Structures are given as structure tokens and as C-alpha cells.
């Protein structure tokens, strides 16, 4: 997300079946954890590291979109249940338009091979206890931390 984008609220206690109605919910994100590290992707267009994410395509649910985007962007699939983490409210662009994203999390035991594609140039497994990579979306790091295992 561009620098003018901001995370303005996060509802961890949200009911997945009752998404917010005060702004659009076009986006689903996925935080895939392997041990204490979370998967980040390098988006060719935004030229930044971020969580796998993408638009929700009718008639899919936010959960279906998050899992699809994870698979399409990285070739990864969770090795167990997918957990709904919450709804993130963003203020986007210079006009700071409100929008929501649904955040999901899962775990993998052994990462699958990644092949660069038209959208994603690279992946990396980041430990939130370590310094963040350069050219990273701050919003995504915050969401990754919110989705992660307690230490």
C-alpha cells in the first residue's frame, strides 16, 4: 500500500459472518506462519514486501479469497485450519477513503517451492523479532504481528 495508506482500526473480536457495513470490504489478506516466521511477498508493481493479499472476487467469501491469493501468489497452502483474525480498517490514498480488509492466518510445516510470477518477484520468511526488511509495507508488518503466535 502506498505511504499515504494507514491502518486506522483493527477489530480482532469481529464476527467473520457479520462484516462491517460502514465501508467496502474488497480485500483479503493471509498471514502464513512457519514456526516463528511469517511469509512476505515482494510485489512487483508496488515494489514492496507485504502479506499475500488480493481482491475478493464474487461469489467467493473473504476466507476463500485469502486462501486463493496465498496459493496464486506463492504456491503455498496452509497445513491445517485457517483462522479468521479480524477486520482491518484502512484509510487509503491521498483522499484517505475508508476500506476494510479481512485478515486470515494459518500455519505450514514445510514451505513449498516458490516460482516467481507476473505479480510476485520473491518471497521471504520474516521473524517479527528481527529487523524488518527494507521496502516493506508498515501496515502489513503490523497485521502480521497481530496475526502471529504469542511469544
N, C-alpha and C. Protein backbone atom coordinates (compact mmCIF):
# COMPACT_ATOMS: atom_id res chain seq x y z
N UNK A 1 0.84 -1.18 0.00
CA UNK A 1 0.00 0.00 0.00
C UNK A 1 0.88 1.24 0.00
N UNK A 2 0.49 2.28 -0.71
CA UNK A 2 1.30 3.50 -0.75
C UNK A 2 1.47 4.13 0.63
N UNK A 3 2.47 5.01 0.74
CA UNK A 3 2.79 5.63 2.02
C UNK A 3 1.64 6.38 2.65
N UNK A 4 0.71 6.89 1.85
CA UNK A 4 -0.41 7.65 2.42
C UNK A 4 -1.47 6.73 3.03
N UNK A 5 -1.33 5.43 2.83
CA UNK A 5 -2.30 4.48 3.38
C UNK A 5 -2.02 4.26 4.86
N UNK A 6 -3.10 4.13 5.63
CA UNK A 6 -2.96 3.96 7.08
C UNK A 6 -3.91 2.88 7.58
N UNK A 7 -3.45 2.13 8.57
CA UNK A 7 -4.32 1.23 9.32
C UNK A 7 -4.90 2.06 10.44
N UNK A 8 -6.22 2.22 10.45
CA UNK A 8 -6.81 3.09 11.47
C UNK A 8 -7.55 2.33 12.56
N UNK A 9 -7.86 1.05 12.33
CA UNK A 9 -8.50 0.25 13.36
C UNK A 9 -8.35 -1.22 13.02
N UNK A 10 -8.39 -2.04 14.05
CA UNK A 10 -8.37 -3.49 13.83
C UNK A 10 -9.33 -4.10 14.83
N UNK A 11 -10.31 -4.85 14.32
CA UNK A 11 -11.31 -5.49 15.17
C UNK A 11 -11.03 -6.98 15.25
N UNK A 12 -10.23 -7.37 16.26
CA UNK A 12 -9.87 -8.77 16.46
C UNK A 12 -11.08 -9.59 16.92
N UNK A 13 -11.96 -9.00 17.63
CA UNK A 13 -13.12 -9.74 18.15
C UNK A 13 -14.29 -9.78 17.19
N UNK A 14 -14.06 -9.41 15.94
CA UNK A 14 -15.14 -9.33 14.97
C UNK A 14 -15.73 -10.70 14.68
N UNK A 15 -16.98 -10.68 14.27
CA UNK A 15 -17.67 -11.88 13.83
C UNK A 15 -17.46 -12.00 12.33
N UNK A 16 -16.77 -13.05 11.90
CA UNK A 16 -16.48 -13.23 10.48
C UNK A 16 -17.74 -13.20 9.63
N UNK A 17 -18.84 -13.71 10.17
CA UNK A 17 -20.08 -13.79 9.41
C UNK A 17 -20.81 -12.45 9.33
N UNK A 18 -20.35 -11.46 10.09
CA UNK A 18 -21.00 -10.15 10.08
C UNK A 18 -19.96 -9.06 9.79
N UNK A 19 -19.55 -8.95 8.52
CA UNK A 19 -18.53 -7.95 8.19
C UNK A 19 -19.04 -6.53 8.41
N UNK A 20 -18.12 -5.60 8.59
CA UNK A 20 -18.53 -4.19 8.76
C UNK A 20 -19.29 -3.70 7.54
N UNK A 21 -20.19 -2.78 7.76
CA UNK A 21 -21.02 -2.27 6.66
C UNK A 21 -20.81 -0.78 6.42
N UNK A 22 -19.93 -0.14 7.19
CA UNK A 22 -19.76 1.30 7.05
C UNK A 22 -18.73 1.69 5.99
N UNK A 23 -18.09 0.70 5.36
CA UNK A 23 -17.14 0.94 4.27
C UNK A 23 -17.01 -0.36 3.49
N UNK A 24 -16.53 -0.31 2.25
CA UNK A 24 -16.38 -1.53 1.45
C UNK A 24 -15.37 -2.51 2.06
N UNK A 25 -15.57 -3.79 1.77
CA UNK A 25 -14.67 -4.87 2.18
C UNK A 25 -14.22 -5.61 0.91
N UNK A 26 -13.27 -5.02 0.15
CA UNK A 26 -12.86 -5.65 -1.10
C UNK A 26 -11.62 -6.53 -1.01
N UNK A 27 -10.95 -6.55 0.15
CA UNK A 27 -9.62 -7.12 0.26
C UNK A 27 -9.56 -8.24 1.29
N UNK A 28 -8.78 -9.28 0.97
CA UNK A 28 -8.50 -10.36 1.92
C UNK A 28 -6.98 -10.54 1.99
N UNK A 29 -6.46 -10.74 3.20
CA UNK A 29 -5.02 -10.92 3.41
C UNK A 29 -4.78 -12.24 4.13
N UNK A 30 -3.58 -12.80 3.93
CA UNK A 30 -3.25 -14.07 4.58
C UNK A 30 -1.87 -13.97 5.22
N UNK A 31 -1.79 -14.31 6.49
CA UNK A 31 -0.52 -14.41 7.21
C UNK A 31 -0.23 -15.90 7.41
N UNK A 32 0.73 -16.41 6.64
CA UNK A 32 1.11 -17.83 6.74
C UNK A 32 2.36 -17.92 7.61
N UNK A 33 2.26 -18.69 8.68
CA UNK A 33 3.34 -18.85 9.64
C UNK A 33 3.98 -20.21 9.51
N UNK A 34 5.30 -20.23 9.57
CA UNK A 34 6.09 -21.47 9.61
C UNK A 34 7.03 -21.29 10.80
N UNK A 35 6.75 -21.97 11.88
CA UNK A 35 7.48 -21.71 13.12
C UNK A 35 7.16 -20.31 13.58
N UNK A 36 8.19 -19.52 13.86
CA UNK A 36 8.01 -18.14 14.33
C UNK A 36 8.17 -17.12 13.21
N UNK A 37 8.10 -17.57 11.97
CA UNK A 37 8.31 -16.66 10.84
C UNK A 37 7.06 -16.62 9.97
N UNK A 38 6.81 -15.44 9.43
CA UNK A 38 5.64 -15.21 8.59
C UNK A 38 6.10 -14.96 7.15
N UNK A 39 5.29 -15.39 6.22
CA UNK A 39 5.61 -15.26 4.80
C UNK A 39 5.28 -13.84 4.31
N UNK A 40 6.28 -13.21 3.68
CA UNK A 40 6.09 -11.94 2.99
C UNK A 40 6.37 -12.14 1.51
N UNK A 41 5.69 -11.38 0.69
CA UNK A 41 5.90 -11.44 -0.76
C UNK A 41 6.40 -10.08 -1.24
N UNK A 42 7.22 -10.10 -2.29
CA UNK A 42 7.67 -8.84 -2.89
C UNK A 42 6.83 -8.59 -4.13
N UNK A 43 5.95 -7.60 -4.03
CA UNK A 43 5.03 -7.25 -5.10
C UNK A 43 5.77 -6.44 -6.17
N UNK A 44 5.77 -6.95 -7.40
CA UNK A 44 6.49 -6.29 -8.50
C UNK A 44 5.95 -4.88 -8.79
N UNK A 45 4.65 -4.69 -8.66
CA UNK A 45 4.04 -3.42 -9.02
C UNK A 45 4.24 -2.36 -7.94
N UNK A 46 4.03 -2.76 -6.69
CA UNK A 46 4.20 -1.81 -5.58
C UNK A 46 5.65 -1.70 -5.13
N UNK A 47 6.48 -2.65 -5.60
CA UNK A 47 7.90 -2.67 -5.26
C UNK A 47 8.11 -2.64 -3.75
N UNK A 48 7.39 -3.54 -3.07
CA UNK A 48 7.46 -3.59 -1.61
C UNK A 48 7.13 -4.99 -1.11
N UNK A 49 7.64 -5.30 0.07
CA UNK A 49 7.30 -6.53 0.77
C UNK A 49 5.97 -6.34 1.47
N UNK A 50 5.14 -7.36 1.44
CA UNK A 50 3.81 -7.29 2.06
C UNK A 50 3.28 -8.69 2.30
N UNK A 51 2.17 -8.78 2.99
CA UNK A 51 1.47 -10.06 3.14
C UNK A 51 0.79 -10.41 1.82
N UNK A 52 0.66 -11.70 1.53
CA UNK A 52 -0.15 -12.07 0.36
C UNK A 52 -1.57 -11.53 0.54
N UNK A 53 -2.09 -10.90 -0.50
CA UNK A 53 -3.43 -10.33 -0.42
C UNK A 53 -4.02 -10.19 -1.81
N UNK A 54 -5.29 -9.88 -1.83
CA UNK A 54 -5.93 -9.65 -3.11
C UNK A 54 -7.39 -9.34 -2.97
N UNK A 55 -7.98 -9.03 -4.10
CA UNK A 55 -9.39 -8.65 -4.14
C UNK A 55 -10.29 -9.88 -3.99
N UNK A 56 -11.40 -9.68 -3.33
CA UNK A 56 -12.42 -10.71 -3.18
C UNK A 56 -13.25 -10.71 -4.46
N UNK A 57 -13.27 -11.84 -5.14
CA UNK A 57 -13.99 -11.95 -6.40
C UNK A 57 -15.34 -12.64 -6.17
N UNK A 58 -16.44 -11.97 -6.52
CA UNK A 58 -17.74 -12.62 -6.36
C UNK A 58 -17.78 -13.94 -7.12
N UNK A 59 -18.35 -14.98 -6.57
CA UNK A 59 -19.14 -15.02 -5.34
C UNK A 59 -18.34 -15.53 -4.14
N UNK A 60 -17.00 -15.46 -4.17
CA UNK A 60 -16.22 -16.04 -3.08
C UNK A 60 -16.32 -15.23 -1.80
N UNK A 61 -16.08 -15.92 -0.70
CA UNK A 61 -16.05 -15.30 0.62
C UNK A 61 -14.67 -14.69 0.83
N UNK A 62 -14.52 -13.81 1.81
CA UNK A 62 -13.18 -13.30 2.14
C UNK A 62 -12.20 -14.43 2.46
N UNK A 63 -12.65 -15.46 3.16
CA UNK A 63 -11.79 -16.61 3.50
C UNK A 63 -11.31 -17.32 2.23
N UNK A 64 -12.23 -17.57 1.32
CA UNK A 64 -11.86 -18.23 0.05
C UNK A 64 -10.87 -17.37 -0.73
N UNK A 65 -11.09 -16.05 -0.74
CA UNK A 65 -10.20 -15.14 -1.47
C UNK A 65 -8.80 -15.15 -0.86
N UNK A 66 -8.71 -15.14 0.46
CA UNK A 66 -7.41 -15.13 1.14
C UNK A 66 -6.61 -16.39 0.82
N UNK A 67 -7.26 -17.55 0.86
CA UNK A 67 -6.57 -18.81 0.56
C UNK A 67 -6.19 -18.87 -0.92
N UNK A 68 -7.07 -18.41 -1.79
CA UNK A 68 -6.77 -18.40 -3.23
C UNK A 68 -5.58 -17.49 -3.53
N UNK A 69 -5.57 -16.30 -2.96
CA UNK A 69 -4.48 -15.36 -3.20
C UNK A 69 -3.16 -15.91 -2.68
N UNK A 70 -3.18 -16.54 -1.52
CA UNK A 70 -1.96 -17.16 -0.98
C UNK A 70 -1.41 -18.19 -1.97
N UNK A 71 -2.28 -19.04 -2.46
CA UNK A 71 -1.87 -20.10 -3.40
C UNK A 71 -1.39 -19.50 -4.73
N UNK A 72 -2.15 -18.55 -5.29
CA UNK A 72 -1.79 -17.96 -6.57
C UNK A 72 -0.48 -17.18 -6.50
N UNK A 73 -0.29 -16.42 -5.43
CA UNK A 73 0.88 -15.57 -5.33
C UNK A 73 2.14 -16.32 -4.94
N UNK A 74 1.99 -17.39 -4.14
CA UNK A 74 3.18 -18.01 -3.54
C UNK A 74 3.31 -19.51 -3.77
N UNK A 75 2.25 -20.18 -4.17
CA UNK A 75 2.27 -21.63 -4.28
C UNK A 75 2.11 -22.33 -2.94
N UNK A 76 1.93 -21.57 -1.88
CA UNK A 76 1.79 -22.14 -0.53
C UNK A 76 0.32 -22.42 -0.22
N UNK A 77 0.11 -23.43 0.62
CA UNK A 77 -1.21 -23.71 1.16
C UNK A 77 -1.03 -24.01 2.65
N UNK A 78 -1.98 -23.60 3.47
CA UNK A 78 -1.85 -23.89 4.89
C UNK A 78 -1.95 -25.38 5.16
N UNK A 79 -1.21 -25.86 6.16
CA UNK A 79 -1.21 -27.28 6.53
C UNK A 79 -2.20 -27.60 7.64
N UNK A 80 -3.15 -26.77 7.85
CA UNK A 80 -4.13 -27.00 8.90
C UNK A 80 -5.24 -25.99 8.77
N UNK A 81 -5.92 -25.74 9.86
CA UNK A 81 -7.05 -24.83 9.80
C UNK A 81 -6.64 -23.40 9.47
N UNK A 82 -7.53 -22.70 8.81
CA UNK A 82 -7.36 -21.28 8.52
C UNK A 82 -8.18 -20.53 9.57
N UNK A 83 -7.52 -19.58 10.24
CA UNK A 83 -8.15 -18.83 11.33
C UNK A 83 -8.48 -17.42 10.87
N UNK A 84 -9.70 -17.00 11.17
CA UNK A 84 -10.07 -15.60 10.94
C UNK A 84 -9.47 -14.78 12.08
N UNK A 85 -8.68 -13.76 11.74
CA UNK A 85 -8.01 -12.94 12.76
C UNK A 85 -8.84 -11.69 13.06
N UNK A 86 -9.35 -11.03 12.03
CA UNK A 86 -10.15 -9.85 12.27
C UNK A 86 -10.26 -8.98 11.03
N UNK A 87 -10.96 -7.85 11.21
CA UNK A 87 -11.14 -6.89 10.12
C UNK A 87 -10.25 -5.68 10.36
N UNK A 88 -9.47 -5.32 9.36
CA UNK A 88 -8.62 -4.14 9.42
C UNK A 88 -9.31 -3.02 8.66
N UNK A 89 -9.39 -1.86 9.28
CA UNK A 89 -9.96 -0.68 8.62
C UNK A 89 -8.80 0.21 8.17
N UNK A 90 -8.81 0.54 6.88
CA UNK A 90 -7.75 1.35 6.29
C UNK A 90 -8.30 2.71 5.88
N UNK A 91 -7.39 3.69 5.80
CA UNK A 91 -7.64 4.97 5.15
C UNK A 91 -6.65 5.00 3.99
N UNK A 92 -7.17 4.98 2.77
CA UNK A 92 -6.33 4.76 1.59
C UNK A 92 -6.22 5.97 0.68
N UNK A 93 -5.01 6.13 0.14
CA UNK A 93 -4.75 7.16 -0.85
C UNK A 93 -4.76 8.56 -0.27
N UNK A 94 -4.50 9.53 -1.12
CA UNK A 94 -4.46 10.92 -0.65
C UNK A 94 -5.80 11.38 -0.09
N UNK A 95 -6.89 10.80 -0.61
CA UNK A 95 -8.22 11.20 -0.12
C UNK A 95 -8.61 10.46 1.16
N UNK A 96 -7.77 9.46 1.57
CA UNK A 96 -7.99 8.69 2.81
C UNK A 96 -9.36 8.02 2.83
N UNK A 97 -9.73 7.40 1.70
CA UNK A 97 -11.03 6.73 1.61
C UNK A 97 -11.02 5.50 2.52
N UNK A 98 -12.13 5.24 3.21
CA UNK A 98 -12.20 4.09 4.12
C UNK A 98 -12.44 2.80 3.37
N UNK A 99 -11.81 1.74 3.84
CA UNK A 99 -11.94 0.42 3.24
C UNK A 99 -11.53 -0.60 4.29
N UNK A 100 -12.08 -1.82 4.17
CA UNK A 100 -11.71 -2.90 5.08
C UNK A 100 -10.98 -4.02 4.35
N UNK A 101 -10.20 -4.75 5.12
CA UNK A 101 -9.58 -5.97 4.66
C UNK A 101 -9.81 -7.04 5.71
N UNK A 102 -10.09 -8.25 5.29
CA UNK A 102 -10.27 -9.38 6.20
C UNK A 102 -8.94 -10.12 6.30
N UNK A 103 -8.45 -10.30 7.54
CA UNK A 103 -7.16 -10.94 7.76
C UNK A 103 -7.37 -12.37 8.27
N UNK A 104 -6.67 -13.30 7.61
CA UNK A 104 -6.71 -14.71 7.98
C UNK A 104 -5.28 -15.18 8.25
N UNK A 105 -5.16 -16.24 9.02
CA UNK A 105 -3.84 -16.79 9.33
C UNK A 105 -3.90 -18.30 9.29
N UNK A 106 -2.73 -18.88 9.04
CA UNK A 106 -2.60 -20.33 9.03
C UNK A 106 -1.14 -20.69 9.24
N UNK A 107 -0.88 -21.97 9.30
CA UNK A 107 0.48 -22.45 9.53
C UNK A 107 0.88 -23.42 8.43
N UNK A 108 2.18 -23.52 8.23
CA UNK A 108 2.70 -24.56 7.34
C UNK A 108 3.86 -25.24 8.07
N UNK A 109 4.02 -26.52 7.78
CA UNK A 109 5.10 -27.29 8.40
C UNK A 109 6.36 -27.17 7.55
N UNK A 110 6.21 -27.40 6.27
CA UNK A 110 7.34 -27.32 5.34
C UNK A 110 6.93 -26.43 4.17
N UNK A 111 7.62 -25.29 3.98
CA UNK A 111 7.27 -24.42 2.86
C UNK A 111 7.44 -25.13 1.52
N UNK A 112 6.54 -24.82 0.61
CA UNK A 112 6.62 -25.34 -0.75
C UNK A 112 7.52 -24.45 -1.59
N UNK A 113 7.95 -24.98 -2.72
CA UNK A 113 8.81 -24.21 -3.62
C UNK A 113 8.04 -23.01 -4.17
N UNK A 114 8.73 -21.89 -4.27
CA UNK A 114 8.15 -20.68 -4.85
C UNK A 114 8.70 -20.48 -6.25
N UNK A 115 7.82 -20.11 -7.16
CA UNK A 115 8.22 -19.74 -8.51
C UNK A 115 7.76 -18.31 -8.75
N UNK A 116 8.70 -17.41 -9.09
CA UNK A 116 8.30 -16.03 -9.38
C UNK A 116 7.22 -16.01 -10.46
N UNK A 117 6.34 -15.03 -10.35
CA UNK A 117 5.25 -14.92 -11.31
C UNK A 117 5.07 -13.47 -11.72
N UNK A 118 4.06 -13.22 -12.50
CA UNK A 118 3.81 -11.88 -13.04
C UNK A 118 3.62 -10.83 -11.94
N UNK A 119 3.09 -11.24 -10.80
CA UNK A 119 2.79 -10.30 -9.72
C UNK A 119 3.85 -10.29 -8.62
N UNK A 120 4.36 -11.47 -8.27
CA UNK A 120 5.26 -11.60 -7.11
C UNK A 120 6.66 -12.02 -7.58
N UNK A 121 7.65 -11.21 -7.21
CA UNK A 121 9.04 -11.47 -7.63
C UNK A 121 9.76 -12.42 -6.69
N UNK A 122 9.43 -12.38 -5.40
CA UNK A 122 10.16 -13.17 -4.41
C UNK A 122 9.31 -13.33 -3.16
N UNK A 123 9.70 -14.30 -2.34
CA UNK A 123 9.09 -14.48 -1.02
C UNK A 123 10.21 -14.55 0.01
N UNK A 124 9.85 -14.26 1.24
CA UNK A 124 10.80 -14.42 2.34
C UNK A 124 10.02 -14.72 3.61
N UNK A 125 10.66 -15.47 4.49
CA UNK A 125 10.08 -15.81 5.79
C UNK A 125 10.70 -14.86 6.80
N UNK A 126 9.88 -14.02 7.41
CA UNK A 126 10.36 -12.96 8.31
C UNK A 126 9.97 -13.27 9.74
N UNK A 127 10.95 -13.15 10.64
CA UNK A 127 10.73 -13.29 12.08
C UNK A 127 10.47 -11.90 12.65
N UNK A 128 9.27 -11.65 13.18
CA UNK A 128 8.95 -10.32 13.70
C UNK A 128 9.86 -9.86 14.85
N UNK A 129 10.64 -10.77 15.43
CA UNK A 129 11.60 -10.38 16.46
C UNK A 129 12.83 -9.72 15.84
N UNK A 130 13.00 -9.88 14.53
CA UNK A 130 14.14 -9.30 13.82
C UNK A 130 13.74 -8.02 13.11
N UNK A 131 14.74 -7.32 12.65
CA UNK A 131 14.52 -6.08 11.91
C UNK A 131 13.71 -6.37 10.65
N UNK A 132 12.84 -5.45 10.32
CA UNK A 132 12.01 -5.59 9.12
C UNK A 132 12.86 -5.39 7.87
N UNK A 133 12.49 -6.07 6.79
CA UNK A 133 13.21 -5.84 5.53
C UNK A 133 12.99 -4.41 5.04
N UNK A 134 13.92 -3.93 4.22
CA UNK A 134 13.72 -2.61 3.63
C UNK A 134 12.61 -2.72 2.58
N UNK A 135 12.01 -1.58 2.27
CA UNK A 135 10.93 -1.52 1.28
C UNK A 135 9.77 -2.43 1.66
N UNK A 136 9.33 -2.29 2.88
CA UNK A 136 8.23 -3.11 3.39
C UNK A 136 7.04 -2.21 3.71
N UNK A 137 5.86 -2.75 3.54
CA UNK A 137 4.64 -2.03 3.89
C UNK A 137 4.43 -2.11 5.40
N UNK A 138 4.48 -0.98 6.08
CA UNK A 138 4.34 -0.95 7.54
C UNK A 138 2.99 -1.54 7.99
N UNK A 139 1.95 -1.26 7.23
CA UNK A 139 0.63 -1.80 7.58
C UNK A 139 0.70 -3.33 7.64
N UNK A 140 1.34 -3.93 6.65
CA UNK A 140 1.41 -5.39 6.58
C UNK A 140 2.22 -5.96 7.74
N UNK A 141 3.29 -5.29 8.15
CA UNK A 141 4.06 -5.76 9.30
C UNK A 141 3.21 -5.73 10.56
N UNK A 142 2.45 -4.66 10.72
CA UNK A 142 1.56 -4.58 11.87
C UNK A 142 0.51 -5.68 11.88
N UNK A 143 -0.06 -5.95 10.70
CA UNK A 143 -1.05 -7.02 10.60
C UNK A 143 -0.42 -8.38 10.83
N UNK A 144 0.80 -8.58 10.34
CA UNK A 144 1.49 -9.84 10.57
C UNK A 144 1.68 -10.05 12.07
N UNK A 145 2.11 -9.02 12.76
CA UNK A 145 2.31 -9.14 14.21
C UNK A 145 1.00 -9.45 14.93
N UNK A 146 -0.09 -8.83 14.49
CA UNK A 146 -1.39 -9.09 15.10
C UNK A 146 -1.86 -10.53 14.88
N UNK A 147 -1.41 -11.14 13.80
CA UNK A 147 -1.87 -12.49 13.46
C UNK A 147 -1.00 -13.59 14.06
N UNK A 148 0.16 -13.22 14.58
CA UNK A 148 1.18 -14.19 14.92
C UNK A 148 1.02 -14.90 16.24
N UNK A 149 1.87 -15.91 16.41
CA UNK A 149 1.87 -16.66 17.66
C UNK A 149 2.35 -15.79 18.81
N UNK A 150 1.76 -15.97 19.95
CA UNK A 150 2.21 -15.24 21.14
C UNK A 150 3.56 -15.77 21.57
N UNK A 151 4.43 -14.88 22.01
CA UNK A 151 5.76 -15.30 22.49
C UNK A 151 5.90 -15.02 23.94
